[in-house]
Amino acid sequence: MSRFLKRLEKNIEKLEKNITKEQQRISHLEMKCESNKITKAEFNIKKKQVEEHIRAMRSRIQTLKGGMAKEKRHEGEKAEEKQKKQDEKEKKKQSKESEE
């Protein structure tokens, strides 16, 4: 696996970790709201902001996963081309040996 793919996976893991942190933040806000430390309106505003953050991170994850799929496909094509070239080389070598 290439370094690029590893880096993409690492970024995806980091974003997923951040999403769980943001979800914990929402639950923390809910607890504050229930204990009357913040108002319901303030809670709703902050919750919307956090949910927008989560949505943005999820869309980034989807983009990164698409990039990973494209890169894997590209690597597969590259390997096929390399194999074809190798096969052609071997055929030329065999044809030269059979001529001699």
Protein backbone atom coordinates (compact mmCIF):
# COMPACT_ATOMS: atom_id res chain seq x y z
CA MET A 1 0.00 0.00 0.00
CA SER A 2 1.30 3.42 -0.88
CA ARG A 3 2.08 6.14 1.60
CA PHE A 4 -0.69 8.23 0.07
CA LEU A 5 -3.31 5.59 0.91
CA LYS A 6 -1.96 5.24 4.43
CA ARG A 7 -2.18 8.99 4.90
CA LEU A 8 -5.77 9.02 3.65
CA GLU A 9 -6.70 6.23 6.07
CA LYS A 10 -5.02 8.11 8.91
CA ASN A 11 -6.99 11.26 8.05
CA ILE A 12 -10.24 9.28 7.97
CA GLU A 13 -9.52 7.80 11.40
CA LYS A 14 -8.75 11.25 12.77
CA LEU A 15 -12.03 12.64 11.40
CA GLU A 16 -14.00 9.73 12.85
CA LYS A 17 -12.41 10.37 16.23
CA ASN A 18 -13.36 14.04 15.98
CA ILE A 19 -16.94 13.07 15.13
CA THR A 20 -17.21 11.00 18.32
CA LYS A 21 -15.83 13.95 20.31
CA GLU A 22 -18.43 16.25 18.79
CA GLN A 23 -21.19 13.74 19.62
CA GLN A 24 -19.97 13.68 23.22
CA ARG A 25 -20.07 17.46 23.17
CA ILE A 26 -23.75 17.33 22.20
CA SER A 27 -24.53 14.96 25.07
CA HIS A 28 -22.63 17.27 27.42
CA LEU A 29 -24.73 20.19 26.19
CA GLU A 30 -27.89 18.15 26.77
CA MET A 31 -26.84 17.50 30.36
CA LYS A 32 -26.20 21.23 30.87
CA CYS A 33 -29.60 22.04 29.44
CA GLU A 34 -31.33 19.51 31.70
CA SER A 35 -29.59 20.93 34.76
CA ASN A 36 -30.77 24.41 33.72
CA LYS A 37 -27.24 25.81 33.31
CA ILE A 38 -28.08 26.92 29.76
CA THR A 39 -31.39 27.77 28.15
CA LYS A 40 -33.14 25.54 25.62
CA ALA A 41 -32.64 28.15 22.88
CA GLU A 42 -28.91 28.39 23.61
CA PHE A 43 -28.72 24.60 23.58
CA ASN A 44 -30.45 24.40 20.19
CA ILE A 45 -28.11 26.99 18.67
CA LYS A 46 -24.98 25.24 19.93
CA LYS A 47 -26.35 21.83 18.93
CA LYS A 48 -26.95 23.05 15.36
CA GLN A 49 -23.39 24.33 15.15
CA VAL A 50 -21.98 21.02 16.37
CA GLU A 51 -24.21 19.05 14.00
CA GLU A 52 -23.00 21.18 11.08
CA HIS A 53 -19.44 20.37 12.11
CA ILE A 54 -20.28 16.67 12.15
CA ARG A 55 -21.93 16.86 8.72
CA ALA A 56 -18.90 18.65 7.30
CA MET A 57 -16.54 16.01 8.70
CA ARG A 58 -18.70 13.20 7.30
CA SER A 59 -18.62 14.76 3.85
CA ARG A 60 -14.83 15.05 4.10
CA ILE A 61 -14.67 11.38 5.02
CA GLN A 62 -16.75 10.50 1.94
CA THR A 63 -14.42 12.57 -0.24
CA LEU A 64 -11.36 10.85 1.21
CA LYS A 65 -12.92 7.41 0.71
CA GLY A 66 -13.59 8.32 -2.92
CA GLY A 67 -9.97 9.38 -3.28
CA MET A 68 -8.84 6.08 -1.77
CA ALA A 69 -10.97 4.09 -4.21
CA LYS A 70 -9.61 6.08 -7.13
CA GLU A 71 -6.02 5.63 -5.95
CA LYS A 72 -6.49 1.87 -5.48
CA ARG A 73 -7.94 1.59 -8.98
CA HIS A 74 -5.01 3.60 -10.32
CA GLU A 75 -2.52 1.33 -8.56
CA GLY A 76 -4.27 -1.73 -9.99
CA GLU A 77 -4.09 -0.31 -13.51
CA LYS A 78 -0.44 0.54 -13.00
CA ALA A 79 0.30 -3.02 -11.87
CA GLU A 80 -1.55 -4.44 -14.91
CA GLU A 81 0.46 -2.25 -17.28
CA LYS A 82 3.68 -3.33 -15.61
CA GLN A 83 2.67 -6.99 -15.95
CA LYS A 84 1.80 -6.52 -19.65
CA LYS A 85 5.17 -4.92 -20.34
CA GLN A 86 6.89 -7.77 -18.53
CA ASP A 87 4.94 -10.35 -20.56
CA GLU A 88 5.81 -8.59 -23.82
CA LYS A 89 9.48 -8.55 -22.83
CA GLU A 90 9.40 -12.27 -22.12
CA LYS A 91 7.68 -12.99 -25.46
CA LYS A 92 10.31 -10.99 -27.34
CA LYS A 93 13.05 -12.83 -25.46
CA GLN A 94 11.51 -16.20 -26.28
CA SER A 95 11.03 -15.30 -29.94
CA LYS A 96 14.68 -14.22 -30.21
CA GLU A 97 15.83 -17.47 -28.60
CA SER A 98 13.67 -19.56 -30.90
CA GLU A 99 15.05 -17.73 -33.97
CA GLU A 100 18.61 -18.52 -32.95
